[in-house]
Amino acid sequence: MTRTVVESKTKTAIIGFDQPFCVIGERINPTGRKKLAAELEAGDFSTVEKDAIAQVGAGATVLDVNAGVVYNSNPNPNETEPPLMTKMIELVQGLVDVPLCIDSSVPGALKAGLEACEGRPLLNSVTGEEDRLELVLPLVKKYNVPVVAISNDDTGISEDPDVRFAVAKKIVERAADFGIPAHDIVVDPLVMPIGAMGTAGLQVFTLVRRLREELGVNTTCGASNISFGLPNRHGINNAFLPMAMGAGMTSAIMNPVALPVKQSEIEAKKAEVAATGLELPADIDDETFCQLFGLGSTMPRPGKEMEAIRAANFLTNNDPHGGEWIKFNKAPAKPGEEAAGGRGGRAGGRRRRRA
């Protein structure tokens, strides 16, 4: 069985066909997050700290760290990204003990991250572009780390899945020339938005099967790409992830956290409730209110995608006896109840009525 090993100083995560699905938390990334980008340029890492802790708490087994901020004061990423990557890596691995994924398009930032990282991180990423292969593969070999291989090359991203497979095969073969084994290549076959390409899901499932059967490599993807531009994205994601797992996908770069309910949403719901004439206790707190009216939570918690992944792990026997599923869904014991389950009694449904 193909197994890709990533490590922190104290923990090991294995990406593999016979392993639980590996969730790579994507939140520590300023791309598309103006507030986070501004904080990082100002030297404020408070959001990074919160995102690191929340993602691990929600079940991420690896954390992606991206330092791709375009500074207003200096727009040259070759100068700004390497020192920022070093700072972020040092900060995150001081807070959590999961392995890291070093994510950058700047080779200098990848090198800085590798030098700062303890253990054996995952490097994100290499493509089939010639200059990228020549820059990144020597780093992969020198530091003996696994790498994400993205299935695009100098011609761009093809909509033809056969072309994307050929690019992945090229990267695996070029890596072998450097002495890098296939089990250290995690291929991203590139997920297209289903709203723009109706065959996007079928393409990915077919590609993942081919990558597993013909190249023997592990796979990953940017999971939320499949639902881009659509309503109820969580519904699409929740269906896509178990289906991709069934096809053989072994990891995904994704957000494991259901974000807290915004205060504006809480106030709007309270106004709606008040308009019906329903009186609430004066001392009701926001968390209780959210629970009562199905808004979610004021605290970060595992997202619905994590529920779908854990269910799929159980159904594919990658959660023996359902231990993780039960732990994930077990409600806290109420005061006066035993932690082992409260009231006694037989399991297995309703009791039969005596004749």
Protein backbone atom coordinates (compact mmCIF):
# COMPACT_ATOMS: atom_id res chain seq x y z
CA MET A 1 0.00 0.00 0.00
CA THR A 2 1.21 3.50 -0.86
CA ARG A 3 1.84 5.57 2.25
CA THR A 4 2.99 9.17 2.38
CA VAL A 5 4.45 10.03 5.77
CA VAL A 6 4.39 13.59 7.12
CA GLU A 7 5.64 14.45 10.60
CA SER A 8 5.84 17.20 13.16
CA LYS A 9 8.29 17.05 16.04
CA THR A 10 5.95 14.78 17.98
CA LYS A 11 3.22 13.49 15.63
CA THR A 12 3.00 11.45 12.45
CA ALA A 13 0.23 11.66 9.87
CA ILE A 14 0.00 9.02 7.16
CA ILE A 15 -1.73 9.63 3.84
CA GLY A 16 -2.62 6.27 2.36
CA PHE A 17 -5.19 4.03 0.72
CA ASP A 18 -5.68 2.06 3.94
CA GLN A 19 -5.67 5.10 6.23
CA PRO A 20 -8.36 7.50 7.48
CA PHE A 21 -8.83 10.45 5.12
CA CYS A 22 -6.21 13.13 5.74
CA VAL A 23 -7.69 16.60 6.28
CA ILE A 24 -5.23 19.40 5.47
CA GLY A 25 -6.55 22.60 7.04
CA GLU A 26 -6.50 25.49 4.56
CA ARG A 27 -7.36 28.51 6.74
CA ILE A 28 -3.85 29.90 7.30
CA ASN A 29 -3.79 31.53 3.88
CA PRO A 30 -4.22 35.26 3.16
CA THR A 31 -5.37 34.68 -0.42
CA GLY A 32 -8.83 36.25 -0.70
CA ARG A 33 -8.75 37.27 2.98
CA LYS A 34 -8.04 41.01 3.01
CA LYS A 35 -8.26 41.32 6.77
CA LEU A 36 -5.73 38.54 7.35
CA ALA A 37 -3.40 39.95 4.69
CA ALA A 38 -3.47 43.39 6.34
CA GLU A 39 -2.82 41.84 9.76
CA LEU A 40 0.18 39.88 8.50
CA GLU A 41 1.70 42.93 6.84
CA ALA A 42 1.29 44.78 10.15
CA GLY A 43 2.94 41.93 12.09
CA ASP A 44 -0.33 40.84 13.75
CA PHE A 45 -0.56 37.04 13.94
CA SER A 46 -3.63 36.75 16.16
CA THR A 47 -5.86 35.33 13.41
CA VAL A 48 -3.18 32.81 12.46
CA GLU A 49 -3.07 31.65 16.09
CA LYS A 50 -6.86 31.30 16.27
CA ASP A 51 -7.08 29.50 12.92
CA ALA A 52 -4.33 27.03 13.85
CA ILE A 53 -5.98 26.06 17.14
CA ALA A 54 -9.54 25.96 15.72
CA GLN A 55 -8.59 23.74 12.76
CA VAL A 56 -6.79 21.18 14.88
CA GLY A 57 -9.71 21.23 17.32
CA ALA A 58 -12.07 20.51 14.42
CA GLY A 59 -10.07 17.49 13.30
CA ALA A 60 -7.40 18.66 10.83
CA THR A 61 -4.48 16.23 10.77
CA VAL A 62 -2.15 18.55 8.82
CA LEU A 63 -2.13 22.36 8.58
CA ASP A 64 -1.35 24.22 5.37
CA VAL A 65 0.66 27.42 5.93
CA ASN A 66 0.65 30.01 3.13
CA ALA A 67 2.49 33.33 3.40
CA GLY A 68 1.34 34.75 0.06
CA VAL A 69 0.72 38.34 1.13
CA VAL A 70 1.21 41.09 -1.45
CA TYR A 71 2.59 43.87 0.71
CA ASN A 72 1.54 47.43 -0.08
CA SER A 73 4.95 48.58 1.11
CA ASN A 74 6.88 46.03 -0.96
CA PRO A 75 5.12 44.13 -3.77
CA ASN A 76 8.08 41.76 -4.38
CA PRO A 77 7.10 38.35 -2.91
CA ASN A 78 10.64 37.01 -3.37
CA GLU A 79 11.70 39.44 -0.66
CA THR A 80 8.65 39.44 1.62
CA GLU A 81 7.47 35.81 1.63
CA PRO A 82 10.58 33.94 2.90
CA PRO A 83 10.88 35.80 6.24
CA LEU A 84 7.10 35.79 6.73
CA MET A 85 6.96 32.04 6.04
CA THR A 86 9.67 31.44 8.64
CA LYS A 87 7.77 33.48 11.24
CA MET A 88 4.45 31.73 10.52
CA ILE A 89 5.95 28.24 10.60
CA GLU A 90 7.68 28.92 13.91
CA LEU A 91 4.51 30.39 15.39
CA VAL A 92 2.16 27.60 14.26
CA GLN A 93 4.37 24.71 15.31
CA GLY A 94 4.74 26.38 18.69
CA LEU A 95 0.95 26.29 19.13
CA VAL A 96 -0.08 22.90 17.70
CA ASP A 97 1.69 19.59 17.26
CA VAL A 98 0.29 18.40 13.91
CA PRO A 99 2.50 18.17 10.79
CA LEU A 100 2.57 21.16 8.45
CA CYS A 101 2.17 21.71 4.71
CA ILE A 102 4.42 24.49 3.41
CA ASP A 103 2.48 26.30 0.69
CA SER A 104 4.00 28.84 -1.70
CA SER A 105 4.66 29.61 -5.35
CA VAL A 106 7.93 31.30 -4.30
CA PRO A 107 10.87 28.85 -4.15
CA GLY A 108 12.64 31.01 -1.58
CA ALA A 109 9.61 30.78 0.71
CA LEU A 110 9.49 27.00 0.30
CA LYS A 111 13.16 26.78 1.27
CA ALA A 112 12.66 29.10 4.25
CA GLY A 113 9.73 27.00 5.42
CA LEU A 114 11.71 23.77 5.09
CA GLU A 115 14.54 25.23 7.16
CA ALA A 116 12.18 26.44 9.90
CA CYS A 117 9.97 23.35 10.05
CA GLU A 118 10.52 20.56 12.54
CA GLY A 119 9.82 17.01 11.41
CA ARG A 120 8.89 16.08 7.84
CA PRO A 121 6.46 18.57 6.29
CA LEU A 122 4.51 18.27 3.05
CA LEU A 123 5.68 20.71 0.37
CA ASN A 124 2.98 22.47 -1.66
CA SER A 125 3.68 22.42 -4.56
CA VAL A 126 5.29 21.42 -7.85
CA THR A 127 3.65 21.54 -11.27
CA GLY A 128 4.55 20.10 -14.66
CA GLU A 129 6.05 23.43 -15.74
CA GLU A 130 9.70 22.94 -16.64
CA ASP A 131 11.10 25.78 -14.55
CA ARG A 132 9.03 24.69 -11.56
CA LEU A 133 10.25 21.10 -11.82
CA GLU A 134 13.87 22.27 -11.89
CA LEU A 135 13.40 24.58 -8.90
CA VAL A 136 11.26 22.47 -6.59
CA LEU A 137 12.31 18.84 -7.11
CA PRO A 138 15.89 19.47 -5.90
CA LEU A 139 14.42 20.92 -2.67
CA VAL A 140 12.18 17.85 -2.27
CA LYS A 141 15.20 15.57 -2.67
CA LYS A 142 17.55 17.61 -0.46
CA TYR A 143 15.14 17.83 2.48
CA ASN A 144 13.60 14.36 1.91
CA VAL A 145 10.00 15.56 2.06
CA PRO A 146 6.83 14.60 0.18
CA VAL A 147 5.37 17.06 -2.32
CA VAL A 148 1.98 17.98 -3.79
CA ALA A 149 2.07 17.65 -7.59
CA ILE A 150 -0.50 19.81 -9.40
CA SER A 151 -1.63 18.55 -12.82
CA ASN A 152 -0.96 21.62 -14.93
CA ASP A 153 2.06 22.46 -17.07
CA ASP A 154 3.38 25.19 -19.37
CA THR A 155 0.19 25.00 -21.45
CA GLY A 156 -1.98 25.80 -18.40
CA ILE A 157 -4.85 23.78 -16.92
CA SER A 158 -6.47 21.44 -19.42
CA GLU A 159 -10.16 20.56 -19.30
CA ASP A 160 -9.22 17.18 -20.76
CA PRO A 161 -8.72 14.68 -17.88
CA ASP A 162 -6.38 12.57 -20.04
CA VAL A 163 -4.06 15.55 -20.38
CA ARG A 164 -4.12 16.17 -16.63
CA PHE A 165 -3.27 12.50 -16.04
CA ALA A 166 -0.36 12.77 -18.50
CA VAL A 167 0.98 15.81 -16.61
CA ALA A 168 0.79 13.92 -13.31
CA LYS A 169 2.62 10.97 -14.87
CA LYS A 170 5.31 13.32 -16.17
CA ILE A 171 5.86 14.78 -12.70
CA VAL A 172 6.10 11.32 -11.11
CA GLU A 173 8.62 10.24 -13.75
CA ARG A 174 10.72 13.40 -13.40
CA ALA A 175 10.67 13.01 -9.63
CA ALA A 176 11.99 9.46 -10.06
CA ASP A 177 14.92 10.92 -12.03
CA PHE A 178 15.81 12.84 -8.84
CA GLY A 179 15.47 9.70 -6.72
CA ILE A 180 12.11 10.75 -5.28
CA PRO A 181 9.78 7.74 -4.85
CA ALA A 182 6.16 7.74 -6.02
CA HIS A 183 4.92 7.35 -2.44
CA ASP A 184 6.26 10.84 -1.73
CA ILE A 185 4.18 12.38 -4.53
CA VAL A 186 0.62 13.48 -3.65
CA VAL A 187 -1.14 14.39 -6.88
CA ASP A 188 -3.75 17.13 -7.11
CA PRO A 189 -5.69 16.25 -10.30
CA LEU A 190 -7.38 19.68 -10.16
CA VAL A 191 -11.07 19.93 -9.34
CA MET A 192 -13.13 22.07 -11.71
CA PRO A 193 -16.28 23.87 -10.51
CA ILE A 194 -19.31 21.68 -11.14
CA GLY A 195 -21.35 24.83 -11.84
CA ALA A 196 -19.17 25.60 -14.85
CA MET A 197 -18.48 22.04 -16.04
CA GLY A 198 -21.17 19.43 -15.52
CA THR A 199 -18.70 16.55 -15.87
CA ALA A 200 -16.26 17.95 -13.27
CA GLY A 201 -17.19 15.42 -10.59
CA LEU A 202 -17.06 12.44 -12.92
CA GLN A 203 -13.70 13.64 -14.26
CA VAL A 204 -12.15 13.80 -10.80
CA PHE A 205 -13.45 10.39 -9.73
CA THR A 206 -12.09 8.80 -12.93
CA LEU A 207 -8.75 10.57 -12.57
CA VAL A 208 -8.32 9.56 -8.96
CA ARG A 209 -8.94 5.90 -9.82
CA ARG A 210 -6.36 6.05 -12.63
CA LEU A 211 -3.79 7.80 -10.44
CA ARG A 212 -4.20 5.13 -7.78
CA GLU A 213 -4.28 2.11 -10.09
CA GLU A 214 -1.76 3.17 -12.76
CA LEU A 215 0.70 5.40 -10.87
CA GLY A 216 0.18 4.17 -7.31
CA VAL A 217 0.15 7.68 -5.84
CA ASN A 218 -1.87 9.38 -3.15
CA THR A 219 -4.12 12.26 -4.10
CA THR A 220 -5.45 15.54 -2.77
CA CYS A 221 -7.51 18.48 -3.97
CA GLY A 222 -8.85 21.88 -3.07
CA ALA A 223 -12.19 20.41 -1.98
CA SER A 224 -14.25 23.61 -2.08
CA ASN A 225 -13.43 24.22 -5.75
CA ILE A 226 -16.17 21.76 -6.74
CA SER A 227 -18.92 24.02 -5.34
CA PHE A 228 -17.54 27.41 -6.38
CA GLY A 229 -20.26 29.87 -7.32
CA LEU A 230 -23.17 27.68 -6.19
CA PRO A 231 -25.73 28.09 -3.40
CA ASN A 232 -25.50 25.77 -0.38
CA ARG A 233 -21.88 24.93 -1.07
CA HIS A 234 -21.71 22.73 2.02
CA GLY A 235 -24.35 20.44 0.53
CA ILE A 236 -22.25 19.92 -2.60
CA ASN A 237 -19.04 19.49 -0.61
CA ASN A 238 -20.67 16.98 1.75
CA ALA A 239 -21.62 14.77 -1.19
CA PHE A 240 -18.38 15.27 -3.12
CA LEU A 241 -15.92 14.32 -0.38
CA PRO A 242 -17.27 10.79 0.38
CA MET A 243 -17.66 10.12 -3.34
CA ALA A 244 -14.05 11.21 -3.96
CA MET A 245 -12.96 9.02 -1.04
CA GLY A 246 -14.83 6.10 -2.57
CA ALA A 247 -12.94 6.66 -5.81
CA GLY A 248 -9.64 6.50 -3.89
CA MET A 249 -8.82 10.09 -2.93
CA THR A 250 -6.76 10.06 0.25
CA SER A 251 -6.59 13.71 1.38
CA ALA A 252 -8.02 17.17 0.76
CA ILE A 253 -6.97 20.75 1.42
CA MET A 254 -10.10 22.18 3.00
CA ASN A 255 -11.65 24.16 5.84
CA PRO A 256 -12.56 21.78 8.68
CA VAL A 257 -14.17 24.52 10.77
CA ALA A 258 -17.76 25.73 10.78
CA LEU A 259 -17.23 29.44 11.37
CA PRO A 260 -18.97 31.10 14.33
CA VAL A 261 -22.34 32.75 13.80
CA LYS A 262 -21.89 36.47 13.22
CA GLN A 263 -23.27 38.88 15.79
CA SER A 264 -25.28 40.59 13.07
CA GLU A 265 -27.06 37.29 12.32
CA ILE A 266 -27.86 36.80 16.00
CA GLU A 267 -29.32 40.29 16.34
CA ALA A 268 -31.39 39.86 13.18
CA LYS A 269 -32.83 36.59 14.48
CA LYS A 270 -33.60 38.14 17.87
CA ALA A 271 -35.50 40.93 16.14
CA GLU A 272 -37.41 38.35 14.10
CA VAL A 273 -38.31 36.42 17.25
CA ALA A 274 -39.39 39.59 19.07
CA ALA A 275 -41.63 40.52 16.15
CA THR A 276 -43.62 37.31 16.67
CA GLY A 277 -44.39 38.35 20.24
CA LEU A 278 -42.29 35.59 21.78
CA GLU A 279 -40.55 36.76 24.95
CA LEU A 280 -37.13 35.41 25.73
CA PRO A 281 -35.47 35.31 29.16
CA ALA A 282 -33.63 38.56 29.75
CA ASP A 283 -30.45 36.74 30.71
CA ILE A 284 -30.32 34.32 27.74
CA ASP A 285 -26.79 34.17 26.33
CA ASP A 286 -25.98 34.18 22.63
CA GLU A 287 -24.76 30.57 22.55
CA THR A 288 -27.98 29.25 24.09
CA PHE A 289 -30.02 31.43 21.73
CA CYS A 290 -28.16 30.07 18.70
CA GLN A 291 -28.71 26.49 19.84
CA LEU A 292 -32.43 27.05 20.48
CA PHE A 293 -33.09 28.59 17.08
CA GLY A 294 -30.76 26.45 14.97
CA LEU A 295 -28.31 29.17 14.01
CA GLY A 296 -25.23 27.12 14.80
CA SER A 297 -22.74 28.23 17.43
CA THR A 298 -20.85 31.32 18.54
CA MET A 299 -17.76 29.13 18.82
CA PRO A 300 -15.71 27.47 16.05
CA ARG A 301 -16.68 23.81 15.69
CA PRO A 302 -16.22 21.00 13.17
CA GLY A 303 -17.99 21.71 9.89
CA LYS A 304 -20.52 19.46 8.18
CA GLU A 305 -17.78 18.34 5.76
CA MET A 306 -15.97 16.78 8.72
CA GLU A 307 -19.11 14.86 9.59
CA ALA A 308 -19.29 13.48 6.05
CA ILE A 309 -15.60 12.50 6.09
CA ARG A 310 -15.86 10.72 9.44
CA ALA A 311 -18.94 8.84 8.28
CA ALA A 312 -17.10 7.76 5.11
CA ASN A 313 -14.09 6.65 7.17
CA PHE A 314 -16.42 4.47 9.25
CA LEU A 315 -18.18 3.02 6.19
CA THR A 316 -14.86 2.13 4.51
CA ASN A 317 -13.48 0.45 7.65
CA ASN A 318 -10.88 3.16 8.18
CA ASP A 319 -12.47 3.83 11.57
CA PRO A 320 -12.47 0.35 13.14
CA HIS A 321 -15.52 -0.24 15.35
CA GLY A 322 -16.56 3.40 14.78
CA GLY A 323 -14.55 4.71 17.69
CA GLU A 324 -13.81 8.09 16.10
CA TRP A 325 -17.39 8.44 14.81
CA ILE A 326 -18.82 7.80 18.27
CA LYS A 327 -16.33 10.17 19.90
CA PHE A 328 -17.11 12.85 17.31
CA ASN A 329 -20.88 12.63 17.86
CA LYS A 330 -21.08 11.89 21.56
CA ALA A 331 -22.95 14.58 23.46
CA PRO A 332 -21.38 15.83 26.69
CA ALA A 333 -22.75 14.10 29.79
CA LYS A 334 -25.42 16.10 31.60
CA PRO A 335 -25.10 16.82 35.31
CA GLY A 336 -26.20 13.80 37.33
CA GLU A 337 -25.70 11.39 34.43
CA GLU A 338 -22.88 8.91 34.18
CA ALA A 339 -20.24 9.80 31.62
CA ALA A 340 -20.55 6.31 30.16
CA GLY A 341 -24.02 6.98 28.88
CA GLY A 342 -26.52 8.04 31.53
CA ARG A 343 -29.41 5.65 31.85
CA GLY A 344 -28.77 1.97 31.55
CA GLY A 345 -30.72 -0.43 29.38
CA ARG A 346 -30.36 -2.59 26.33
CA ALA A 347 -29.14 -1.23 23.02
CA GLY A 348 -30.89 -2.04 19.81
CA GLY A 349 -34.11 -0.08 19.50
CA ARG A 350 -37.52 -0.27 21.13
CA ARG A 351 -38.31 -2.86 23.76
CA ARG A 352 -40.92 -5.39 22.81
CA ARG A 353 -44.24 -5.07 24.61
CA ARG A 354 -45.07 -8.07 26.69
CA ALA A 355 -48.20 -9.96 25.66
